[in-house]
Amino acid sequence: MEEKTVSGILSHEHTKAHLTDVNYMPPLFEAVPLGIQHVLAMFVGNVTPALIIASAIDAPDEMRVFLVQAAMFVAGVATLVQTLGLGPIGAKVPIVMGTSFGFVPVIIPIAQTSGLPAVMGACFVGGLAMALVGFFIRHVRFLFPAVVTGTFVLLIGIILLPVGFAYVGGGFGAPDFGAPRHLWVAFLVFCITVGINQFTKGFLSEMGVLLGIVVGYLVAIPLGMVNFSSVGTASWVALPQPFAIGLEFVPVAIIGVVVMSVVTSAESIGDIAGTVIGGANRQPTSKELSGGVMADGLASSFAAIFNAFPQISFSQNVGLVALTGVASRYVVAIGGGFLLIAGLFPKVGAFVTTIPNAVLGGAVIIMFGMIASAGIKMLSLVDLNKRNMIIIGVSVAVAIGLRGQPALYENASAGVKAMLESGLIPGAIAAIVLNLILPGKEVIDHGDE
């Protein structure tokens, strides 16, 4: 009896050790549903930036379907590279990749003034810049202390919120913008999402956004807000089409996206560290951080070639790794395989594009608000002395002020306008420069570097 007990304890401890090993492969009957769960947790967040950008430029339905399909395919490829590795590229930890929300405020004005080919060209160069940051990571981390990264994340959330509320009203340019049916459906999705997130536990709590959108979608159908015509006309199977949108290299657009890419490297570093600490109970190695950021950058360049937007590690999946306690990179790789396969079937993308803007709006305003909250949380760990308060205050003032008063630079070139209108680029530049020139610079712990 005693021997059984001891054996049981040893077996349990052995299993627990395996679960925190990034190189452990669980049995397929466990690994497959765990991988699908990762896809479900990030699916909406992955395709929503493409839908927002398409709506901002009033893209036709077939273009929306195409962009969603590209987003799924590229996220799948990027996740496989990040988890399984390609030489020195990839963190080889359970990181889920997807389309970055952070670039949306920068991309929209570029797309509206210079077109999608200029966006793709800028994103291609920006991805290479991020890859360089990953390669030289130990030499450039001084640019991203907590006061800079926290301010950056806060600004992303604040600047994206007006976009979210445009969706609540029915989307950019909607003829019935602000109609009661849009507002009520968005409010329903908002309430369901918050309710599930706050009043349930475990996996169900993680699925609040998805469940809110599903209920909102079902309610929107009898209200005449869902149009299935794009699903009927979409092909069943289609191979990826590199350079279908094309690449145009507009200097000012490139500058804005490159700055954004360099600053976003800090988010990637944080997500890799959070995944390894929360799942494997250890600090990330320099090799993992370098490979992970390089994978983010090269995946973003790959995305531009295959008609998708910049890629980044998904924070919600970092939390899911900690929640499940399963740190296996192969579980996440299985999820990446599902994403890649979904990207080969245009009807899947077409179905996603039938989700009404108001339904997405009820969910994304929460997601954008949570991004701002994450920035506040990061800043709460910073010593809010006179120096750091100046960095935060001036950066927010520059970002929000310039974005709110476009008449100040109405005579500037289209490219400069796009960069200033984003708000995020001038705000990020202000944070980085002030951190470098003001006395009392924060010292970053480089750990094992």
Protein backbone atom coordinates (compact mmCIF):
# COMPACT_ATOMS: atom_id res chain seq x y z
CA MET A 1 0.00 0.00 0.00
CA GLU A 2 2.78 2.34 0.98
CA GLU A 3 4.77 1.42 -2.12
CA LYS A 4 1.78 2.32 -4.34
CA THR A 5 1.48 5.67 -2.64
CA VAL A 6 5.15 6.46 -3.09
CA SER A 7 4.99 5.29 -6.69
CA GLY A 8 1.95 7.48 -7.30
CA ILE A 9 3.71 10.52 -5.87
CA LEU A 10 6.81 9.89 -7.96
CA SER A 11 4.68 9.45 -11.07
CA HIS A 12 2.84 12.71 -10.36
CA GLU A 13 6.09 14.60 -9.83
CA HIS A 14 7.54 13.10 -13.01
CA THR A 15 4.49 14.26 -14.99
CA LYS A 16 4.65 17.71 -13.44
CA ALA A 17 8.32 18.00 -14.42
CA HIS A 18 7.43 17.04 -17.97
CA LEU A 19 4.68 19.67 -18.19
CA THR A 20 7.13 22.47 -17.38
CA ASP A 21 9.60 21.18 -20.00
CA VAL A 22 9.27 23.14 -23.25
CA ASN A 23 10.59 20.10 -25.14
CA TYR A 24 8.03 17.64 -23.76
CA MET A 25 5.48 16.21 -26.21
CA PRO A 26 2.23 15.18 -24.46
CA PRO A 27 0.15 12.31 -25.91
CA LEU A 28 -1.74 13.43 -29.02
CA PHE A 29 -5.16 13.00 -27.39
CA GLU A 30 -4.07 15.71 -24.93
CA ALA A 31 -1.85 17.80 -27.21
CA VAL A 32 -4.42 18.31 -29.99
CA PRO A 33 -7.22 19.84 -27.86
CA LEU A 34 -4.66 21.92 -25.96
CA GLY A 35 -3.34 23.23 -29.29
CA ILE A 36 -6.84 24.01 -30.55
CA GLN A 37 -7.53 25.87 -27.31
CA HIS A 38 -4.58 28.15 -28.06
CA VAL A 39 -6.00 28.87 -31.51
CA LEU A 40 -9.43 29.67 -30.07
CA ALA A 41 -7.89 32.05 -27.53
CA MET A 42 -6.16 34.12 -30.23
CA PHE A 43 -8.26 33.62 -33.36
CA VAL A 44 -10.41 36.73 -33.01
CA GLY A 45 -7.44 38.90 -32.08
CA ASN A 46 -5.47 37.63 -35.07
CA VAL A 47 -8.03 38.48 -37.76
CA THR A 48 -9.49 41.65 -36.23
CA PRO A 49 -6.59 43.99 -37.22
CA ALA A 50 -7.04 42.95 -40.86
CA LEU A 51 -10.79 43.64 -40.62
CA ILE A 52 -10.19 47.05 -38.99
CA ILE A 53 -7.67 48.12 -41.65
CA ALA A 54 -9.90 46.85 -44.47
CA SER A 55 -12.84 48.77 -43.03
CA ALA A 56 -10.75 51.94 -42.68
CA ILE A 57 -9.96 51.95 -46.42
CA ASP A 58 -13.44 50.72 -47.40
CA ALA A 59 -12.00 47.58 -49.03
CA PRO A 60 -14.40 45.37 -51.03
CA ASP A 61 -15.61 42.08 -49.55
CA GLU A 62 -13.25 39.95 -51.62
CA MET A 63 -10.27 41.94 -50.31
CA ARG A 64 -11.45 41.50 -46.71
CA VAL A 65 -11.70 37.74 -47.24
CA PHE A 66 -8.25 37.69 -48.82
CA LEU A 67 -6.67 39.65 -45.94
CA VAL A 68 -8.26 37.40 -43.30
CA GLN A 69 -7.10 34.28 -45.14
CA ALA A 70 -3.57 35.72 -45.34
CA ALA A 71 -3.63 36.58 -41.61
CA MET A 72 -4.48 32.98 -40.68
CA PHE A 73 -1.90 31.41 -43.00
CA VAL A 74 0.95 33.71 -41.94
CA ALA A 75 0.16 33.34 -38.23
CA GLY A 76 0.33 29.56 -38.64
CA VAL A 77 3.71 29.67 -40.40
CA ALA A 78 5.07 32.21 -37.88
CA THR A 79 3.92 30.10 -34.92
CA LEU A 80 5.61 26.99 -36.34
CA VAL A 81 8.88 28.88 -36.84
CA GLN A 82 8.70 30.44 -33.36
CA THR A 83 8.01 27.12 -31.60
CA LEU A 84 10.04 24.62 -33.66
CA GLY A 85 12.82 26.98 -34.75
CA LEU A 86 14.65 27.48 -38.02
CA GLY A 87 18.34 27.49 -37.15
CA PRO A 88 18.92 30.42 -34.74
CA ILE A 89 15.49 31.88 -35.61
CA GLY A 90 12.71 31.18 -33.12
CA ALA A 91 12.57 31.14 -29.33
CA LYS A 92 11.63 27.42 -29.35
CA VAL A 93 9.20 28.01 -26.49
CA PRO A 94 5.35 27.91 -26.52
CA ILE A 95 4.77 31.28 -28.22
CA VAL A 96 1.66 31.83 -30.39
CA MET A 97 2.15 34.37 -33.17
CA GLY A 98 -0.49 36.57 -34.77
CA THR A 99 -1.23 39.96 -36.34
CA SER A 100 -0.17 42.84 -34.09
CA PHE A 101 -2.78 45.37 -32.91
CA GLY A 102 0.04 47.79 -32.10
CA PHE A 103 0.72 48.61 -35.75
CA VAL A 104 -2.93 49.41 -36.57
CA PRO A 105 -2.77 53.14 -35.64
CA VAL A 106 0.35 53.49 -37.81
CA ILE A 107 -0.88 51.41 -40.76
CA ILE A 108 -4.34 53.00 -41.15
CA PRO A 109 -3.13 56.52 -42.14
CA ILE A 110 -0.47 55.01 -44.44
CA ALA A 111 -3.10 52.81 -46.11
CA GLN A 112 -5.49 55.74 -46.49
CA THR A 113 -2.92 58.10 -48.02
CA SER A 114 -0.48 55.81 -49.87
CA GLY A 115 -2.31 52.51 -50.29
CA LEU A 116 -1.77 48.92 -49.14
CA PRO A 117 1.36 48.32 -51.28
CA ALA A 118 3.09 51.13 -49.35
CA VAL A 119 1.96 49.48 -46.11
CA MET A 120 3.42 46.13 -47.17
CA GLY A 121 6.70 47.71 -48.28
CA ALA A 122 7.07 49.52 -44.97
CA CYS A 123 6.19 46.38 -43.01
CA PHE A 124 8.75 44.36 -44.96
CA VAL A 125 11.53 46.78 -44.01
CA GLY A 126 10.20 47.11 -40.46
CA GLY A 127 10.39 43.35 -40.03
CA LEU A 128 14.05 43.36 -41.04
CA ALA A 129 14.70 46.14 -38.50
CA MET A 130 13.09 44.06 -35.76
CA ALA A 131 15.16 41.04 -36.77
CA LEU A 132 18.30 43.17 -36.37
CA VAL A 133 17.15 44.16 -32.88
CA GLY A 134 16.87 40.46 -32.07
CA PHE A 135 20.34 39.75 -33.45
CA PHE A 136 21.91 42.57 -31.42
CA ILE A 137 19.50 42.31 -28.49
CA ARG A 138 22.05 42.56 -25.71
CA HIS A 139 23.33 45.82 -27.18
CA VAL A 140 19.99 47.62 -27.64
CA ARG A 141 17.96 46.70 -24.58
CA PHE A 142 19.04 49.96 -22.93
CA LEU A 143 16.55 51.71 -25.25
CA PHE A 144 13.60 49.94 -23.61
CA PRO A 145 13.46 50.39 -19.84
CA ALA A 146 10.09 49.90 -18.17
CA VAL A 147 9.19 53.60 -18.33
CA VAL A 148 9.51 53.54 -22.14
CA THR A 149 7.78 50.20 -22.76
CA GLY A 150 5.02 50.96 -20.27
CA THR A 151 4.31 54.33 -21.91
CA PHE A 152 4.36 52.69 -25.33
CA VAL A 153 1.82 50.02 -24.33
CA LEU A 154 -0.40 52.62 -22.65
CA LEU A 155 -0.41 54.72 -25.84
CA ILE A 156 -1.35 51.73 -28.01
CA GLY A 157 -4.48 51.15 -25.94
CA ILE A 158 -5.48 54.82 -25.77
CA ILE A 159 -4.98 55.46 -29.49
CA LEU A 160 -6.85 52.32 -30.54
CA LEU A 161 -9.95 53.09 -28.45
CA PRO A 162 -11.49 55.55 -30.97
CA VAL A 163 -11.11 52.82 -33.62
CA GLY A 164 -12.98 50.41 -31.35
CA PHE A 165 -15.83 52.87 -30.83
CA ALA A 166 -16.02 53.45 -34.59
CA TYR A 167 -16.76 49.75 -34.82
CA VAL A 168 -19.39 50.05 -32.10
CA GLY A 169 -21.21 52.57 -34.29
CA GLY A 170 -21.18 50.22 -37.29
CA GLY A 171 -17.73 50.77 -38.76
CA PHE A 172 -15.90 53.46 -40.71
CA GLY A 173 -18.20 55.07 -43.28
CA ALA A 174 -21.28 53.01 -42.37
CA PRO A 175 -24.39 54.69 -43.87
CA ASP A 176 -26.36 53.97 -40.67
CA PHE A 177 -23.48 54.78 -38.30
CA GLY A 178 -24.72 55.01 -34.72
CA ALA A 179 -28.02 53.25 -35.44
CA PRO A 180 -29.63 51.73 -32.31
CA ARG A 181 -29.18 48.15 -33.54
CA HIS A 182 -25.41 48.64 -33.76
CA LEU A 183 -25.22 50.15 -30.28
CA TRP A 184 -27.43 47.51 -28.65
CA VAL A 185 -25.58 44.57 -30.22
CA ALA A 186 -22.21 46.04 -29.25
CA PHE A 187 -23.48 46.58 -25.71
CA LEU A 188 -24.68 42.96 -25.53
CA VAL A 189 -21.30 41.64 -26.64
CA PHE A 190 -19.58 43.95 -24.15
CA CYS A 191 -21.71 42.74 -21.23
CA ILE A 192 -21.37 39.03 -22.08
CA THR A 193 -17.61 39.31 -22.52
CA VAL A 194 -17.07 41.14 -19.24
CA GLY A 195 -19.52 38.88 -17.41
CA ILE A 196 -17.88 35.64 -18.52
CA ASN A 197 -14.41 36.99 -17.88
CA GLN A 198 -15.20 38.18 -14.36
CA PHE A 199 -17.76 35.69 -13.07
CA THR A 200 -16.42 32.40 -14.39
CA LYS A 201 -13.14 30.60 -13.85
CA GLY A 202 -10.54 28.64 -15.75
CA PHE A 203 -10.80 28.00 -19.46
CA LEU A 204 -14.33 29.43 -19.68
CA SER A 205 -13.07 32.75 -18.38
CA GLU A 206 -10.39 32.81 -21.08
CA MET A 207 -13.05 32.32 -23.76
CA GLY A 208 -15.09 35.42 -22.82
CA VAL A 209 -14.27 37.35 -26.01
CA LEU A 210 -15.06 34.44 -28.31
CA LEU A 211 -18.33 33.59 -26.56
CA GLY A 212 -19.40 37.26 -26.53
CA ILE A 213 -18.83 37.49 -30.27
CA VAL A 214 -20.69 34.21 -30.94
CA VAL A 215 -23.77 35.38 -29.03
CA GLY A 216 -23.64 38.83 -30.63
CA TYR A 217 -23.33 37.24 -34.07
CA LEU A 218 -26.38 35.03 -33.51
CA VAL A 219 -28.40 38.03 -32.34
CA ALA A 220 -27.26 40.11 -35.32
CA ILE A 221 -28.50 37.57 -37.91
CA PRO A 222 -32.26 38.16 -37.42
CA LEU A 223 -31.58 41.91 -37.24
CA GLY A 224 -30.37 41.79 -40.85
CA MET A 225 -26.80 42.74 -39.95
CA VAL A 226 -25.12 39.63 -41.43
CA ASN A 227 -24.50 39.18 -45.15
CA PHE A 228 -23.46 35.67 -46.24
CA SER A 229 -22.92 36.51 -49.92
CA SER A 230 -19.12 36.55 -49.57
CA VAL A 231 -19.17 32.99 -48.19
CA GLY A 232 -21.07 31.70 -51.20
CA THR A 233 -18.69 33.27 -53.71
CA ALA A 234 -15.46 32.34 -51.90
CA SER A 235 -13.41 29.40 -53.16
CA TRP A 236 -13.11 26.23 -51.12
CA VAL A 237 -9.34 25.97 -51.42
CA ALA A 238 -6.71 28.53 -52.47
CA LEU A 239 -2.94 28.51 -52.23
CA PRO A 240 -1.17 31.58 -50.81
CA GLN A 241 -0.30 34.25 -53.38
CA PRO A 242 2.99 36.03 -52.63
CA PHE A 243 3.18 39.69 -53.71
CA ALA A 244 -0.54 39.76 -54.64
CA ILE A 245 -0.81 43.22 -53.07
CA GLY A 246 2.76 44.16 -53.91
CA LEU A 247 5.47 46.16 -52.17
CA GLU A 248 6.03 49.89 -52.55
CA PHE A 249 8.79 51.59 -50.58
CA VAL A 250 7.60 55.02 -49.42
CA PRO A 251 10.35 56.58 -47.23
CA VAL A 252 8.17 58.29 -44.63
CA ALA A 253 5.95 55.23 -44.28
CA ILE A 254 9.05 53.10 -43.78
CA ILE A 255 10.37 55.42 -41.06
CA GLY A 256 7.12 55.19 -39.10
CA VAL A 257 6.87 51.40 -39.30
CA VAL A 258 10.57 50.90 -38.54
CA VAL A 259 10.30 53.00 -35.37
CA MET A 260 7.20 51.02 -34.42
CA SER A 261 8.99 47.72 -35.11
CA VAL A 262 11.96 48.64 -32.94
CA VAL A 263 9.75 49.75 -30.06
CA THR A 264 7.52 46.67 -30.41
CA SER A 265 10.57 44.49 -29.81
CA ALA A 266 10.12 45.33 -26.13
CA GLU A 267 6.66 43.74 -26.18
CA SER A 268 8.09 40.60 -27.74
CA ILE A 269 10.80 40.40 -25.08
CA GLY A 270 8.16 40.72 -22.36
CA ASP A 271 5.96 38.00 -23.83
CA ILE A 272 8.83 35.54 -24.22
CA ALA A 273 9.92 36.18 -20.65
CA GLY A 274 6.33 35.84 -19.39
CA THR A 275 5.85 32.54 -21.21
CA VAL A 276 9.07 30.98 -19.93
CA ILE A 277 8.64 32.24 -16.36
CA GLY A 278 4.93 31.36 -16.17
CA GLY A 279 5.19 27.98 -17.91
CA ALA A 280 8.71 26.63 -17.38
CA ASN A 281 9.36 28.35 -14.02
CA ARG A 282 12.70 29.81 -15.10
CA GLN A 283 14.20 32.90 -16.68
CA PRO A 284 14.52 32.99 -20.50
CA THR A 285 17.99 32.56 -21.95
CA SER A 286 19.65 35.14 -24.19
CA LYS A 287 19.39 32.65 -27.05
CA GLU A 288 15.62 32.35 -26.57
CA LEU A 289 15.13 36.11 -26.44
CA SER A 290 17.31 36.73 -29.47
CA GLY A 291 15.76 33.94 -31.52
CA GLY A 292 12.25 34.99 -30.53
CA VAL A 293 12.63 38.63 -31.54
CA MET A 294 14.35 37.62 -34.78
CA ALA A 295 11.42 35.32 -35.52
CA ASP A 296 8.95 38.17 -34.89
CA GLY A 297 10.83 40.40 -37.31
CA LEU A 298 11.39 37.90 -40.12
CA ALA A 299 7.80 36.67 -39.76
CA SER A 300 6.65 40.27 -40.27
CA SER A 301 8.71 40.55 -43.47
CA PHE A 302 7.33 37.18 -44.59
CA ALA A 303 3.84 38.48 -43.80
CA ALA A 304 4.34 41.50 -46.06
CA ILE A 305 5.29 39.22 -48.94
CA PHE A 306 2.20 37.08 -48.33
CA ASN A 307 -0.20 40.04 -47.99
CA ALA A 308 -0.52 40.11 -44.20
CA PHE A 309 0.41 42.62 -41.49
CA PRO A 310 3.24 42.54 -38.87
CA GLN A 311 3.39 39.57 -36.54
CA ILE A 312 3.91 39.57 -32.78
CA SER A 313 3.67 37.11 -29.91
CA PHE A 314 0.15 37.02 -28.46
CA SER A 315 -0.09 38.03 -24.81
CA GLN A 316 -3.36 36.20 -24.13
CA ASN A 317 -1.64 32.92 -24.95
CA VAL A 318 1.14 33.75 -22.50
CA GLY A 319 -1.54 33.74 -19.81
CA LEU A 320 -3.01 30.51 -21.18
CA VAL A 321 0.35 28.74 -20.79
CA ALA A 322 0.47 29.79 -17.14
CA LEU A 323 -3.19 28.84 -16.66
CA THR A 324 -2.90 25.31 -18.08
CA GLY A 325 0.57 24.67 -16.69
CA VAL A 326 1.57 23.04 -20.00
CA ALA A 327 4.78 24.59 -21.37
CA SER A 328 5.24 22.21 -24.31
CA ARG A 329 6.20 24.06 -27.48
CA TYR A 330 4.82 21.15 -29.51
CA VAL A 331 1.31 21.81 -28.19
CA VAL A 332 1.47 25.34 -29.57
CA ALA A 333 3.03 24.07 -32.80
CA ILE A 334 -0.06 21.89 -33.29
CA GLY A 335 -2.17 25.03 -32.93
CA GLY A 336 0.04 26.73 -35.53
CA GLY A 337 -0.64 23.85 -37.90
CA PHE A 338 -4.39 24.35 -37.52
CA LEU A 339 -4.01 28.07 -38.30
CA LEU A 340 -1.97 27.34 -41.40
CA ILE A 341 -4.57 24.86 -42.68
CA ALA A 342 -7.42 27.34 -42.02
CA GLY A 343 -5.52 29.87 -44.13
CA LEU A 344 -5.79 27.58 -47.14
CA PHE A 345 -9.59 27.57 -47.12
CA PRO A 346 -11.05 30.95 -48.21
CA LYS A 347 -14.55 30.03 -47.03
CA VAL A 348 -13.23 30.12 -43.47
CA GLY A 349 -11.94 33.64 -44.03
CA ALA A 350 -15.16 34.63 -45.78
CA PHE A 351 -17.22 33.44 -42.83
CA VAL A 352 -15.09 35.51 -40.42
CA THR A 353 -15.70 38.64 -42.52
CA THR A 354 -19.47 38.25 -42.05
CA ILE A 355 -19.10 39.24 -38.39
CA PRO A 356 -20.77 42.68 -38.13
CA ASN A 357 -18.58 45.61 -37.13
CA ALA A 358 -20.74 46.31 -34.09
CA VAL A 359 -20.23 42.76 -32.81
CA LEU A 360 -16.47 43.15 -33.07
CA GLY A 361 -16.72 46.62 -31.55
CA GLY A 362 -18.29 45.33 -28.33
CA ALA A 363 -15.30 43.05 -27.87
CA VAL A 364 -12.39 45.14 -29.13
CA ILE A 365 -13.09 48.13 -26.88
CA ILE A 366 -12.45 45.75 -23.97
CA MET A 367 -9.33 44.38 -25.63
CA PHE A 368 -8.00 47.88 -26.34
CA GLY A 369 -8.85 49.02 -22.83
CA MET A 370 -6.96 46.04 -21.43
CA ILE A 371 -3.91 47.01 -23.49
CA ALA A 372 -4.00 50.44 -21.85
CA SER A 373 -4.43 48.77 -18.45
CA ALA A 374 -1.38 46.60 -19.13
CA GLY A 375 0.60 49.77 -19.79
CA ILE A 376 -0.58 51.27 -16.52
CA LYS A 377 0.40 48.08 -14.71
CA MET A 378 3.88 48.24 -16.21
CA LEU A 379 4.23 51.89 -15.22
CA SER A 380 3.10 51.09 -11.68
CA LEU A 381 6.37 49.18 -11.26
CA VAL A 382 8.38 52.26 -12.27
CA ASP A 383 9.66 54.80 -9.77
CA LEU A 384 7.37 57.72 -10.59
CA ASN A 385 9.96 60.38 -9.85
CA LYS A 386 10.22 63.75 -11.57
CA ARG A 387 12.26 62.35 -14.45
CA ASN A 388 9.94 59.45 -15.29
CA MET A 389 6.83 61.60 -14.89
CA ILE A 390 8.23 63.97 -17.52
CA ILE A 391 8.87 61.05 -19.92
CA ILE A 392 5.35 59.68 -19.49
CA GLY A 393 3.62 63.06 -19.53
CA VAL A 394 5.40 64.52 -22.55
CA SER A 395 5.05 61.31 -24.57
CA VAL A 396 1.30 61.11 -23.91
CA ALA A 397 0.91 64.84 -24.65
CA VAL A 398 2.75 64.56 -27.97
CA ALA A 399 0.88 61.42 -29.05
CA ILE A 400 -2.64 62.51 -28.13
CA GLY A 401 -2.16 66.21 -28.93
CA LEU A 402 -0.80 65.74 -32.45
CA ARG A 403 -3.41 63.12 -33.25
CA GLY A 404 -6.18 65.42 -32.04
CA GLN A 405 -5.06 68.52 -33.98
CA PRO A 406 -4.18 67.47 -37.56
CA ALA A 407 -4.53 71.10 -38.74
CA LEU A 408 -1.12 71.78 -37.14
CA TYR A 409 0.59 69.80 -39.90
CA GLU A 410 -1.93 70.00 -42.74
CA ASN A 411 0.72 71.45 -45.07
CA ALA A 412 3.14 68.58 -44.47
CA SER A 413 3.72 65.83 -47.03
CA ALA A 414 1.35 62.86 -47.06
CA GLY A 415 3.99 60.61 -45.52
CA VAL A 416 4.78 62.96 -42.65
CA LYS A 417 1.07 63.42 -42.04
CA ALA A 418 0.59 59.66 -41.82
CA MET A 419 3.37 59.36 -39.25
CA LEU A 420 2.14 62.26 -37.09
CA GLU A 421 -1.52 61.28 -37.34
CA SER A 422 -0.70 57.87 -35.90
CA GLY A 423 0.19 59.56 -32.61
CA LEU A 424 2.03 56.42 -31.58
CA ILE A 425 5.20 57.12 -33.55
CA PRO A 426 5.86 60.66 -32.23
CA GLY A 427 4.88 59.48 -28.74
CA ALA A 428 7.27 56.52 -28.87
CA ILE A 429 10.10 58.66 -30.24
CA ALA A 430 9.55 61.19 -27.46
CA ALA A 431 9.74 58.45 -24.80
CA ILE A 432 12.94 56.94 -26.21
CA VAL A 433 14.72 60.28 -26.72
CA LEU A 434 13.75 61.69 -23.33
CA ASN A 435 14.90 58.51 -21.62
CA LEU A 436 18.29 58.86 -23.32
CA ILE A 437 18.90 62.56 -22.65
CA LEU A 438 17.39 63.17 -19.21
CA PRO A 439 19.71 62.60 -16.22
CA GLY A 440 19.27 59.57 -13.98
CA LYS A 441 18.76 56.90 -16.67
CA GLU A 442 17.31 53.62 -15.41
CA VAL A 443 19.69 50.64 -15.33
CA ILE A 444 18.37 47.46 -16.93
CA ASP A 445 19.21 44.07 -15.50
CA HIS A 446 20.48 41.99 -18.43
CA GLY A 447 20.30 38.73 -16.51
CA ASP A 448 22.32 35.98 -18.15
CA GLU A 449 23.43 38.25 -20.97
